[in-house]
Structures are given as C-alpha cells and as structure tokens.
C-alpha cells in the first residue's frame, strides 16, 4: 500500500502532510510545512 499521513483541525479538511510509496519503491513526499522536521518510514519487518 501507498500510505499517507493527514492532519485535521476542527472545521477544516484533512491536510496531506506526507506519504510513502509501497515497499518495493519507498519514495516519499513531504509538505513544505513539515519538510526537514518529519520523517515517514516503513518498518519492513
């Protein structure tokens, strides 16, 4: 699965902040608001 993290505050739509492509790819994307501070990763085990 491609897996994404969203965050939501009351009254607003979920904001996509990061995602990771499926395990055989592993590429990642970050929103500017979290880039350099947040890291998305898989525990393959």
ModelCIF file with pLDDT and N, C-alpha, C, O atoms, coordinates in Angstrom:
data_MODEL
#
_entry.id   MODEL 
#
_entity.id                         1 
_entity.type                       polymer 
_entity.pdbx_number_of_molecules   1 
#
_entity_poly.entity_id                      1 
_entity_poly.type                           'polypeptide(L)' 
_entity_poly.nstd_linkage                   no 
_entity_poly.nstd_monomer                   no 
_entity_poly.pdbx_seq_one_letter_code       
;(UNK)(UNK)(UNK)(UNK)(UNK)(UNK)(UNK)(UNK)(UNK)(UNK)(UNK)(UNK)(UNK)(UNK)(UNK)(UNK)
(UNK)(UNK)(UNK)(UNK)(UNK)(UNK)(UNK)(UNK)(UNK)(UNK)(UNK)(UNK)(UNK)(UNK)(UNK)(UNK)
(UNK)(UNK)(UNK)(UNK)(UNK)(UNK)(UNK)(UNK)(UNK)(UNK)(UNK)(UNK)(UNK)
;
_entity_poly.pdbx_seq_one_letter_code_can   XXXXXXXXXXXXXXXXXXXXXXXXXXXXXXXXXXXXXXXXXXXXX 
_entity_poly.pdbx_strand_id                 A 
#
loop_
_entity_poly_seq.entity_id 
_entity_poly_seq.num 
_entity_poly_seq.mon_id 
_entity_poly_seq.hetero 
1 1  UNK n 
1 2  UNK n 
1 3  UNK n 
1 4  UNK n 
1 5  UNK n 
1 6  UNK n 
1 7  UNK n 
1 8  UNK n 
1 9  UNK n 
1 10 UNK n 
1 11 UNK n 
1 12 UNK n 
1 13 UNK n 
1 14 UNK n 
1 15 UNK n 
1 16 UNK n 
1 17 UNK n 
1 18 UNK n 
1 19 UNK n 
1 20 UNK n 
1 21 UNK n 
1 22 UNK n 
1 23 UNK n 
1 24 UNK n 
1 25 UNK n 
1 26 UNK n 
1 27 UNK n 
1 28 UNK n 
1 29 UNK n 
1 30 UNK n 
1 31 UNK n 
1 32 UNK n 
1 33 UNK n 
1 34 UNK n 
1 35 UNK n 
1 36 UNK n 
1 37 UNK n 
1 38 UNK n 
1 39 UNK n 
1 40 UNK n 
1 41 UNK n 
1 42 UNK n 
1 43 UNK n 
1 44 UNK n 
1 45 UNK n 
#
_struct_asym.id          A 
_struct_asym.entity_id   1 
#
loop_
_ma_qa_metric.id 
_ma_qa_metric.mode 
_ma_qa_metric.name 
_ma_qa_metric.software_group_id 
_ma_qa_metric.type 
1 global pLDDT . pLDDT 
2 local  pLDDT . pLDDT 
#
_ma_qa_metric_global.metric_id      1 
_ma_qa_metric_global.metric_value   96.69 
_ma_qa_metric_global.model_id       1 
_ma_qa_metric_global.ordinal_id     1 
#
loop_
_ma_qa_metric_local.label_asym_id 
_ma_qa_metric_local.label_comp_id 
_ma_qa_metric_local.label_seq_id 
_ma_qa_metric_local.metric_id 
_ma_qa_metric_local.metric_value 
_ma_qa_metric_local.model_id 
_ma_qa_metric_local.ordinal_id 
A UNK 1  2 97.00 1 1  
A UNK 2  2 97.00 1 2  
A UNK 3  2 98.00 1 3  
A UNK 4  2 98.00 1 4  
A UNK 5  2 98.00 1 5  
A UNK 6  2 98.00 1 6  
A UNK 7  2 98.00 1 7  
A UNK 8  2 97.00 1 8  
A UNK 9  2 97.00 1 9  
A UNK 10 2 95.00 1 10 
A UNK 11 2 95.00 1 11 
A UNK 12 2 95.00 1 12 
A UNK 13 2 94.00 1 13 
A UNK 14 2 95.00 1 14 
A UNK 15 2 97.00 1 15 
A UNK 16 2 98.00 1 16 
A UNK 17 2 98.00 1 17 
A UNK 18 2 98.00 1 18 
A UNK 19 2 98.00 1 19 
A UNK 20 2 98.00 1 20 
A UNK 21 2 97.00 1 21 
A UNK 22 2 96.00 1 22 
A UNK 23 2 95.00 1 23 
A UNK 24 2 94.00 1 24 
A UNK 25 2 94.00 1 25 
A UNK 26 2 93.00 1 26 
A UNK 27 2 96.00 1 27 
A UNK 28 2 98.00 1 28 
A UNK 29 2 98.00 1 29 
A UNK 30 2 98.00 1 30 
A UNK 31 2 98.00 1 31 
A UNK 32 2 98.00 1 32 
A UNK 33 2 97.00 1 33 
A UNK 34 2 98.00 1 34 
A UNK 35 2 98.00 1 35 
A UNK 36 2 98.00 1 36 
A UNK 37 2 98.00 1 37 
A UNK 38 2 98.00 1 38 
A UNK 39 2 98.00 1 39 
A UNK 40 2 98.00 1 40 
A UNK 41 2 98.00 1 41 
A UNK 42 2 97.00 1 42 
A UNK 43 2 96.00 1 43 
A UNK 44 2 90.00 1 44 
A UNK 45 2 93.00 1 45 
#
loop_
_atom_site.group_PDB 
_atom_site.id 
_atom_site.type_symbol 
_atom_site.label_atom_id 
_atom_site.label_alt_id 
_atom_site.label_comp_id 
_atom_site.label_asym_id 
_atom_site.label_entity_id 
_atom_site.label_seq_id 
_atom_site.pdbx_PDB_ins_code 
_atom_site.Cartn_x 
_atom_site.Cartn_y 
_atom_site.Cartn_z 
_atom_site.occupancy 
_atom_site.B_iso_or_equiv 
_atom_site.pdbx_formal_charge 
_atom_site.auth_seq_id 
_atom_site.auth_comp_id 
_atom_site.auth_asym_id 
_atom_site.auth_atom_id 
_atom_site.pdbx_PDB_model_num 
ATOM 1   N N  . UNK A 1 1  ? 0.822   -1.204 0.000  1.00 97.00 ? 1  UNK A N  1 
ATOM 2   C CA . UNK A 1 1  ? 0.000   0.000  0.000  1.00 97.00 ? 1  UNK A CA 1 
ATOM 3   C C  . UNK A 1 1  ? 0.863   1.264  0.000  1.00 97.00 ? 1  UNK A C  1 
ATOM 4   O O  . UNK A 1 1  ? 1.894   1.330  0.669  1.00 97.00 ? 1  UNK A O  1 
ATOM 5   N N  . UNK A 1 2  ? 0.418   2.259  -0.763 1.00 97.00 ? 2  UNK A N  1 
ATOM 6   C CA . UNK A 1 2  ? 0.907   3.610  -0.528 1.00 97.00 ? 2  UNK A CA 1 
ATOM 7   C C  . UNK A 1 2  ? 0.212   4.117  0.729  1.00 97.00 ? 2  UNK A C  1 
ATOM 8   O O  . UNK A 1 2  ? -0.998  3.951  0.883  1.00 97.00 ? 2  UNK A O  1 
ATOM 9   N N  . UNK A 1 3  ? 0.968   4.728  1.620  1.00 98.00 ? 3  UNK A N  1 
ATOM 10  C CA . UNK A 1 3  ? 0.421   5.178  2.900  1.00 98.00 ? 3  UNK A CA 1 
ATOM 11  C C  . UNK A 1 3  ? 0.682   6.664  3.062  1.00 98.00 ? 3  UNK A C  1 
ATOM 12  O O  . UNK A 1 3  ? 1.781   7.154  2.802  1.00 98.00 ? 3  UNK A O  1 
ATOM 13  N N  . UNK A 1 4  ? -0.335  7.359  3.491  1.00 98.00 ? 4  UNK A N  1 
ATOM 14  C CA . UNK A 1 4  ? -0.232  8.805  3.665  1.00 98.00 ? 4  UNK A CA 1 
ATOM 15  C C  . UNK A 1 4  ? -0.598  9.189  5.085  1.00 98.00 ? 4  UNK A C  1 
ATOM 16  O O  . UNK A 1 4  ? -1.363  8.500  5.759  1.00 98.00 ? 4  UNK A O  1 
ATOM 17  N N  . UNK A 1 5  ? -0.041  10.294 5.520  1.00 98.00 ? 5  UNK A N  1 
ATOM 18  C CA . UNK A 1 5  ? -0.435  10.909 6.781  1.00 98.00 ? 5  UNK A CA 1 
ATOM 19  C C  . UNK A 1 5  ? -1.124  12.238 6.476  1.00 98.00 ? 5  UNK A C  1 
ATOM 20  O O  . UNK A 1 5  ? -0.636  13.061 5.702  1.00 98.00 ? 5  UNK A O  1 
ATOM 21  N N  . UNK A 1 6  ? -2.269  12.406 7.111  1.00 98.00 ? 6  UNK A N  1 
ATOM 22  C CA . UNK A 1 6  ? -3.007  13.654 7.032  1.00 98.00 ? 6  UNK A CA 1 
ATOM 23  C C  . UNK A 1 6  ? -3.133  14.211 8.447  1.00 98.00 ? 6  UNK A C  1 
ATOM 24  O O  . UNK A 1 6  ? -2.998  13.478 9.427  1.00 98.00 ? 6  UNK A O  1 
ATOM 25  N N  . UNK A 1 7  ? -3.389  15.495 8.543  1.00 98.00 ? 7  UNK A N  1 
ATOM 26  C CA . UNK A 1 7  ? -3.752  16.050 9.834  1.00 98.00 ? 7  UNK A CA 1 
ATOM 27  C C  . UNK A 1 7  ? -4.959  16.966 9.645  1.00 98.00 ? 7  UNK A C  1 
ATOM 28  O O  . UNK A 1 7  ? -5.144  17.596 8.604  1.00 98.00 ? 7  UNK A O  1 
ATOM 29  N N  . UNK A 1 8  ? -5.751  17.008 10.677 1.00 97.00 ? 8  UNK A N  1 
ATOM 30  C CA . UNK A 1 8  ? -7.010  17.731 10.572 1.00 97.00 ? 8  UNK A CA 1 
ATOM 31  C C  . UNK A 1 8  ? -7.286  18.494 11.856 1.00 97.00 ? 8  UNK A C  1 
ATOM 32  O O  . UNK A 1 8  ? -7.146  17.962 12.957 1.00 97.00 ? 8  UNK A O  1 
ATOM 33  N N  . UNK A 1 9  ? -7.680  19.748 11.694 1.00 97.00 ? 9  UNK A N  1 
ATOM 34  C CA . UNK A 1 9  ? -8.148  20.548 12.825 1.00 97.00 ? 9  UNK A CA 1 
ATOM 35  C C  . UNK A 1 9  ? -9.641  20.768 12.640 1.00 97.00 ? 9  UNK A C  1 
ATOM 36  O O  . UNK A 1 9  ? -10.143 20.707 11.517 1.00 97.00 ? 9  UNK A O  1 
ATOM 37  N N  . UNK A 1 10 ? -10.350 21.023 13.727 1.00 95.00 ? 10 UNK A N  1 
ATOM 38  C CA . UNK A 1 10 ? -11.809 21.167 13.622 1.00 95.00 ? 10 UNK A CA 1 
ATOM 39  C C  . UNK A 1 10 ? -12.224 22.213 12.592 1.00 95.00 ? 10 UNK A C  1 
ATOM 40  O O  . UNK A 1 10 ? -11.691 23.322 12.554 1.00 95.00 ? 10 UNK A O  1 
ATOM 41  N N  . UNK A 1 11 ? -13.189 21.831 11.762 1.00 95.00 ? 11 UNK A N  1 
ATOM 42  C CA . UNK A 1 11 ? -13.736 22.760 10.787 1.00 95.00 ? 11 UNK A CA 1 
ATOM 43  C C  . UNK A 1 11 ? -12.984 22.836 9.485  1.00 95.00 ? 11 UNK A C  1 
ATOM 44  O O  . UNK A 1 11 ? -13.368 23.592 8.592  1.00 95.00 ? 11 UNK A O  1 
ATOM 45  N N  . UNK A 1 12 ? -11.902 22.055 9.353  1.00 95.00 ? 12 UNK A N  1 
ATOM 46  C CA . UNK A 1 12 ? -11.115 22.101 8.121  1.00 95.00 ? 12 UNK A CA 1 
ATOM 47  C C  . UNK A 1 12 ? -10.989 20.715 7.515  1.00 95.00 ? 12 UNK A C  1 
ATOM 48  O O  . UNK A 1 12 ? -11.137 19.700 8.195  1.00 95.00 ? 12 UNK A O  1 
ATOM 49  N N  . UNK A 1 13 ? -10.713 20.700 6.222  1.00 94.00 ? 13 UNK A N  1 
ATOM 50  C CA . UNK A 1 13 ? -10.466 19.446 5.537  1.00 94.00 ? 13 UNK A CA 1 
ATOM 51  C C  . UNK A 1 13 ? -9.119  18.870 5.957  1.00 94.00 ? 13 UNK A C  1 
ATOM 52  O O  . UNK A 1 13 ? -8.224  19.619 6.349  1.00 94.00 ? 13 UNK A O  1 
ATOM 53  N N  . UNK A 1 14 ? -8.962  17.542 5.881  1.00 95.00 ? 14 UNK A N  1 
ATOM 54  C CA . UNK A 1 14 ? -7.659  16.957 6.187  1.00 95.00 ? 14 UNK A CA 1 
ATOM 55  C C  . UNK A 1 14 ? -6.572  17.499 5.268  1.00 95.00 ? 14 UNK A C  1 
ATOM 56  O O  . UNK A 1 14 ? -6.768  17.638 4.060  1.00 95.00 ? 14 UNK A O  1 
ATOM 57  N N  . UNK A 1 15 ? -5.439  17.798 5.858  1.00 97.00 ? 15 UNK A N  1 
ATOM 58  C CA . UNK A 1 15 ? -4.283  18.307 5.110  1.00 97.00 ? 15 UNK A CA 1 
ATOM 59  C C  . UNK A 1 15 ? -3.283  17.176 4.924  1.00 97.00 ? 15 UNK A C  1 
ATOM 60  O O  . UNK A 1 15 ? -2.824  16.582 5.899  1.00 97.00 ? 15 UNK A O  1 
ATOM 61  N N  . UNK A 1 16 ? -2.949  16.881 3.688  1.00 98.00 ? 16 UNK A N  1 
ATOM 62  C CA . UNK A 1 16 ? -1.938  15.869 3.424  1.00 98.00 ? 16 UNK A CA 1 
ATOM 63  C C  . UNK A 1 16 ? -0.561  16.395 3.736  1.00 98.00 ? 16 UNK A C  1 
ATOM 64  O O  . UNK A 1 16 ? -0.158  17.425 3.196  1.00 98.00 ? 16 UNK A O  1 
ATOM 65  N N  . UNK A 1 17 ? 0.176   15.709 4.602  1.00 98.00 ? 17 UNK A N  1 
ATOM 66  C CA . UNK A 1 17 ? 1.491   16.208 5.001  1.00 98.00 ? 17 UNK A CA 1 
ATOM 67  C C  . UNK A 1 17 ? 2.638   15.318 4.548  1.00 98.00 ? 17 UNK A C  1 
ATOM 68  O O  . UNK A 1 17 ? 3.768   15.785 4.411  1.00 98.00 ? 17 UNK A O  1 
ATOM 69  N N  . UNK A 1 18 ? 2.362   14.053 4.318  1.00 98.00 ? 18 UNK A N  1 
ATOM 70  C CA . UNK A 1 18 ? 3.432   13.165 3.880  1.00 98.00 ? 18 UNK A CA 1 
ATOM 71  C C  . UNK A 1 18 ? 2.852   11.866 3.366  1.00 98.00 ? 18 UNK A C  1 
ATOM 72  O O  . UNK A 1 18 ? 1.743   11.480 3.736  1.00 98.00 ? 18 UNK A O  1 
ATOM 73  N N  . UNK A 1 19 ? 3.601   11.195 2.516  1.00 98.00 ? 19 UNK A N  1 
ATOM 74  C CA . UNK A 1 19 ? 3.204   9.867  2.076  1.00 98.00 ? 19 UNK A CA 1 
ATOM 75  C C  . UNK A 1 19 ? 4.446   9.089  1.681  1.00 98.00 ? 19 UNK A C  1 
ATOM 76  O O  . UNK A 1 19 ? 5.516   9.652  1.449  1.00 98.00 ? 19 UNK A O  1 
ATOM 77  N N  . UNK A 1 20 ? 4.270   7.779  1.610  1.00 98.00 ? 20 UNK A N  1 
ATOM 78  C CA . UNK A 1 20 ? 5.348   6.890  1.209  1.00 98.00 ? 20 UNK A CA 1 
ATOM 79  C C  . UNK A 1 20 ? 4.787   5.876  0.228  1.00 98.00 ? 20 UNK A C  1 
ATOM 80  O O  . UNK A 1 20 ? 3.723   5.300  0.454  1.00 98.00 ? 20 UNK A O  1 
ATOM 81  N N  . UNK A 1 21 ? 5.503   5.667  -0.848 1.00 97.00 ? 21 UNK A N  1 
ATOM 82  C CA . UNK A 1 21 ? 5.048   4.708  -1.843 1.00 97.00 ? 21 UNK A CA 1 
ATOM 83  C C  . UNK A 1 21 ? 5.210   3.296  -1.306 1.00 97.00 ? 21 UNK A C  1 
ATOM 84  O O  . UNK A 1 21 ? 5.866   3.087  -0.286 1.00 97.00 ? 21 UNK A O  1 
ATOM 85  N N  . UNK A 1 22 ? 4.623   2.345  -1.979 1.00 96.00 ? 22 UNK A N  1 
ATOM 86  C CA . UNK A 1 22 ? 4.622   0.981  -1.485 1.00 96.00 ? 22 UNK A CA 1 
ATOM 87  C C  . UNK A 1 22 ? 6.043   0.482  -1.301 1.00 96.00 ? 22 UNK A C  1 
ATOM 88  O O  . UNK A 1 22 ? 6.979   1.091  -1.819 1.00 96.00 ? 22 UNK A O  1 
ATOM 89  N N  . UNK A 1 23 ? 6.225   -0.611 -0.576 1.00 95.00 ? 23 UNK A N  1 
ATOM 90  C CA . UNK A 1 23 ? 7.530   -1.011 -0.052 1.00 95.00 ? 23 UNK A CA 1 
ATOM 91  C C  . UNK A 1 23 ? 8.555   -1.294 -1.149 1.00 95.00 ? 23 UNK A C  1 
ATOM 92  O O  . UNK A 1 23 ? 9.751   -1.098 -0.930 1.00 95.00 ? 23 UNK A O  1 
ATOM 93  N N  . UNK A 1 24 ? 8.124   -1.742 -2.305 1.00 94.00 ? 24 UNK A N  1 
ATOM 94  C CA . UNK A 1 24 ? 9.099   -2.042 -3.364 1.00 94.00 ? 24 UNK A CA 1 
ATOM 95  C C  . UNK A 1 24 ? 9.602   -0.791 -4.069 1.00 94.00 ? 24 UNK A C  1 
ATOM 96  O O  . UNK A 1 24 ? 10.446  -0.879 -4.961 1.00 94.00 ? 24 UNK A O  1 
ATOM 97  N N  . UNK A 1 25 ? 9.095   0.368  -3.679 1.00 94.00 ? 25 UNK A N  1 
ATOM 98  C CA . UNK A 1 25 ? 9.526   1.659  -4.215 1.00 94.00 ? 25 UNK A CA 1 
ATOM 99  C C  . UNK A 1 25 ? 10.091  2.506  -3.084 1.00 94.00 ? 25 UNK A C  1 
ATOM 100 O O  . UNK A 1 25 ? 11.272  2.853  -3.097 1.00 94.00 ? 25 UNK A O  1 
ATOM 101 N N  . UNK A 1 26 ? 9.258   2.840  -2.108 1.00 93.00 ? 26 UNK A N  1 
ATOM 102 C CA . UNK A 1 26 ? 9.714   3.539  -0.908 1.00 93.00 ? 26 UNK A CA 1 
ATOM 103 C C  . UNK A 1 26 ? 9.891   5.039  -1.044 1.00 93.00 ? 26 UNK A C  1 
ATOM 104 O O  . UNK A 1 26 ? 10.342  5.692  -0.104 1.00 93.00 ? 26 UNK A O  1 
ATOM 105 N N  . UNK A 1 27 ? 9.544   5.603  -2.203 1.00 96.00 ? 27 UNK A N  1 
ATOM 106 C CA . UNK A 1 27 ? 9.672   7.043  -2.373 1.00 96.00 ? 27 UNK A CA 1 
ATOM 107 C C  . UNK A 1 27 ? 8.753   7.800  -1.427 1.00 96.00 ? 27 UNK A C  1 
ATOM 108 O O  . UNK A 1 27 ? 7.704   7.294  -1.027 1.00 96.00 ? 27 UNK A O  1 
ATOM 109 N N  . UNK A 1 28 ? 9.153   9.011  -1.076 1.00 98.00 ? 28 UNK A N  1 
ATOM 110 C CA . UNK A 1 28 ? 8.395   9.793  -0.105 1.00 98.00 ? 28 UNK A CA 1 
ATOM 111 C C  . UNK A 1 28 ? 8.122   11.195 -0.624 1.00 98.00 ? 28 UNK A C  1 
ATOM 112 O O  . UNK A 1 28 ? 8.826   11.705 -1.496 1.00 98.00 ? 28 UNK A O  1 
ATOM 113 N N  . UNK A 1 29 ? 7.089   11.802 -0.070 1.00 98.00 ? 29 UNK A N  1 
ATOM 114 C CA . UNK A 1 29 ? 6.710   13.181 -0.378 1.00 98.00 ? 29 UNK A CA 1 
ATOM 115 C C  . UNK A 1 29 ? 6.392   13.874 0.950  1.00 98.00 ? 29 UNK A C  1 
ATOM 116 O O  . UNK A 1 29 ? 5.821   13.271 1.858  1.00 98.00 ? 29 UNK A O  1 
ATOM 117 N N  . UNK A 1 30 ? 6.771   15.144 1.044  1.00 98.00 ? 30 UNK A N  1 
ATOM 118 C CA . UNK A 1 30 ? 6.501   15.923 2.265  1.00 98.00 ? 30 UNK A CA 1 
ATOM 119 C C  . UNK A 1 30 ? 5.916   17.289 1.897  1.00 98.00 ? 30 UNK A C  1 
ATOM 120 O O  . UNK A 1 30 ? 6.292   17.898 0.896  1.00 98.00 ? 30 UNK A O  1 
ATOM 121 N N  . UNK A 1 31 ? 5.001   17.742 2.724  1.00 98.00 ? 31 UNK A N  1 
ATOM 122 C CA . UNK A 1 31 ? 4.538   19.119 2.608  1.00 98.00 ? 31 UNK A CA 1 
ATOM 123 C C  . UNK A 1 31 ? 5.643   20.056 3.090  1.00 98.00 ? 31 UNK A C  1 
ATOM 124 O O  . UNK A 1 31 ? 6.453   19.685 3.939  1.00 98.00 ? 31 UNK A O  1 
ATOM 125 N N  . UNK A 1 32 ? 5.670   21.257 2.551  1.00 98.00 ? 32 UNK A N  1 
ATOM 126 C CA . UNK A 1 32 ? 6.690   22.229 2.956  1.00 98.00 ? 32 UNK A CA 1 
ATOM 127 C C  . UNK A 1 32 ? 6.631   22.511 4.451  1.00 98.00 ? 32 UNK A C  1 
ATOM 128 O O  . UNK A 1 32 ? 7.651   22.780 5.085  1.00 98.00 ? 32 UNK A O  1 
ATOM 129 N N  . UNK A 1 33 ? 5.422   22.447 5.006  1.00 97.00 ? 33 UNK A N  1 
ATOM 130 C CA . UNK A 1 33 ? 5.242   22.784 6.421  1.00 97.00 ? 33 UNK A CA 1 
ATOM 131 C C  . UNK A 1 33 ? 5.923   21.806 7.364  1.00 97.00 ? 33 UNK A C  1 
ATOM 132 O O  . UNK A 1 33 ? 6.169   22.140 8.523  1.00 97.00 ? 33 UNK A O  1 
ATOM 133 N N  . UNK A 1 34 ? 6.234   20.597 6.885  1.00 98.00 ? 34 UNK A N  1 
ATOM 134 C CA . UNK A 1 34 ? 6.851   19.592 7.757  1.00 98.00 ? 34 UNK A CA 1 
ATOM 135 C C  . UNK A 1 34 ? 8.201   19.115 7.254  1.00 98.00 ? 34 UNK A C  1 
ATOM 136 O O  . UNK A 1 34 ? 8.894   18.367 7.945  1.00 98.00 ? 34 UNK A O  1 
ATOM 137 N N  . UNK A 1 35 ? 8.582   19.542 6.054  1.00 98.00 ? 35 UNK A N  1 
ATOM 138 C CA . UNK A 1 35 ? 9.830   19.081 5.454  1.00 98.00 ? 35 UNK A CA 1 
ATOM 139 C C  . UNK A 1 35 ? 11.015  19.458 6.348  1.00 98.00 ? 35 UNK A C  1 
ATOM 140 O O  . UNK A 1 35 ? 11.134  20.591 6.813  1.00 98.00 ? 35 UNK A O  1 
ATOM 141 N N  . UNK A 1 36 ? 11.874  18.482 6.569  1.00 98.00 ? 36 UNK A N  1 
ATOM 142 C CA . UNK A 1 36 ? 13.032  18.702 7.426  1.00 98.00 ? 36 UNK A CA 1 
ATOM 143 C C  . UNK A 1 36 ? 12.773  18.444 8.893  1.00 98.00 ? 36 UNK A C  1 
ATOM 144 O O  . UNK A 1 36 ? 13.715  18.338 9.678  1.00 98.00 ? 36 UNK A O  1 
ATOM 145 N N  . UNK A 1 37 ? 11.513  18.341 9.276  1.00 98.00 ? 37 UNK A N  1 
ATOM 146 C CA . UNK A 1 37 ? 11.166  18.066 10.680 1.00 98.00 ? 37 UNK A CA 1 
ATOM 147 C C  . UNK A 1 37 ? 10.522  16.685 10.845 1.00 98.00 ? 37 UNK A C  1 
ATOM 148 O O  . UNK A 1 37 ? 10.726  16.020 11.861 1.00 98.00 ? 37 UNK A O  1 
ATOM 149 N N  . UNK A 1 38 ? 9.753   16.264 9.858  1.00 98.00 ? 38 UNK A N  1 
ATOM 150 C CA . UNK A 1 38 ? 9.050   14.979 9.928  1.00 98.00 ? 38 UNK A CA 1 
ATOM 151 C C  . UNK A 1 38 ? 9.704   13.983 8.973  1.00 98.00 ? 38 UNK A C  1 
ATOM 152 O O  . UNK A 1 38 ? 10.208  14.357 7.914  1.00 98.00 ? 38 UNK A O  1 
ATOM 153 N N  . UNK A 1 39 ? 9.689   12.723 9.362  1.00 98.00 ? 39 UNK A N  1 
ATOM 154 C CA . UNK A 1 39 ? 10.207  11.654 8.512  1.00 98.00 ? 39 UNK A CA 1 
ATOM 155 C C  . UNK A 1 39 ? 9.214   10.503 8.499  1.00 98.00 ? 39 UNK A C  1 
ATOM 156 O O  . UNK A 1 39 ? 8.819   9.999  9.550  1.00 98.00 ? 39 UNK A O  1 
ATOM 157 N N  . UNK A 1 40 ? 8.818   10.097 7.316  1.00 98.00 ? 40 UNK A N  1 
ATOM 158 C CA . UNK A 1 40 ? 7.944   8.935  7.162  1.00 98.00 ? 40 UNK A CA 1 
ATOM 159 C C  . UNK A 1 40 ? 8.808   7.754  6.758  1.00 98.00 ? 40 UNK A C  1 
ATOM 160 O O  . UNK A 1 40 ? 9.703   7.885  5.924  1.00 98.00 ? 40 UNK A O  1 
ATOM 161 N N  . UNK A 1 41 ? 8.537   6.605  7.351  1.00 98.00 ? 41 UNK A N  1 
ATOM 162 C CA . UNK A 1 41 ? 9.353   5.441  7.015  1.00 98.00 ? 41 UNK A CA 1 
ATOM 163 C C  . UNK A 1 41 ? 8.566   4.167  7.287  1.00 98.00 ? 41 UNK A C  1 
ATOM 164 O O  . UNK A 1 41 ? 7.566   4.168  8.006  1.00 98.00 ? 41 UNK A O  1 
ATOM 165 N N  . UNK A 1 42 ? 9.038   3.100  6.700  1.00 97.00 ? 42 UNK A N  1 
ATOM 166 C CA . UNK A 1 42 ? 8.422   1.788  6.888  1.00 97.00 ? 42 UNK A CA 1 
ATOM 167 C C  . UNK A 1 42 ? 9.271   0.933  7.828  1.00 97.00 ? 42 UNK A C  1 
ATOM 168 O O  . UNK A 1 42 ? 10.500  1.001  7.817  1.00 97.00 ? 42 UNK A O  1 
ATOM 169 N N  . UNK A 1 43 ? 8.605   0.152  8.616  1.00 96.00 ? 43 UNK A N  1 
ATOM 170 C CA . UNK A 1 43 ? 9.249   -0.942 9.339  1.00 96.00 ? 43 UNK A CA 1 
ATOM 171 C C  . UNK A 1 43 ? 8.910   -2.197 8.550  1.00 96.00 ? 43 UNK A C  1 
ATOM 172 O O  . UNK A 1 43 ? 7.828   -2.764 8.699  1.00 96.00 ? 43 UNK A O  1 
ATOM 173 N N  . UNK A 1 44 ? 9.838   -2.620 7.714  1.00 90.00 ? 44 UNK A N  1 
ATOM 174 C CA . UNK A 1 44 ? 9.532   -3.723 6.815  1.00 90.00 ? 44 UNK A CA 1 
ATOM 175 C C  . UNK A 1 44 ? 9.309   -5.038 7.565  1.00 90.00 ? 44 UNK A C  1 
ATOM 176 O O  . UNK A 1 44 ? 8.545   -5.892 7.116  1.00 90.00 ? 44 UNK A O  1 
ATOM 177 N N  . UNK A 1 45 ? 9.960   -5.192 8.675  1.00 93.00 ? 45 UNK A N  1 
ATOM 178 C CA . UNK A 1 45 ? 9.785   -6.417 9.458  1.00 93.00 ? 45 UNK A CA 1 
ATOM 179 C C  . UNK A 1 45 ? 8.377   -6.505 10.037 1.00 93.00 ? 45 UNK A C  1 
ATOM 180 O O  . UNK A 1 45 ? 8.051   -7.472 10.726 1.00 93.00 ? 45 UNK A O  1 
#
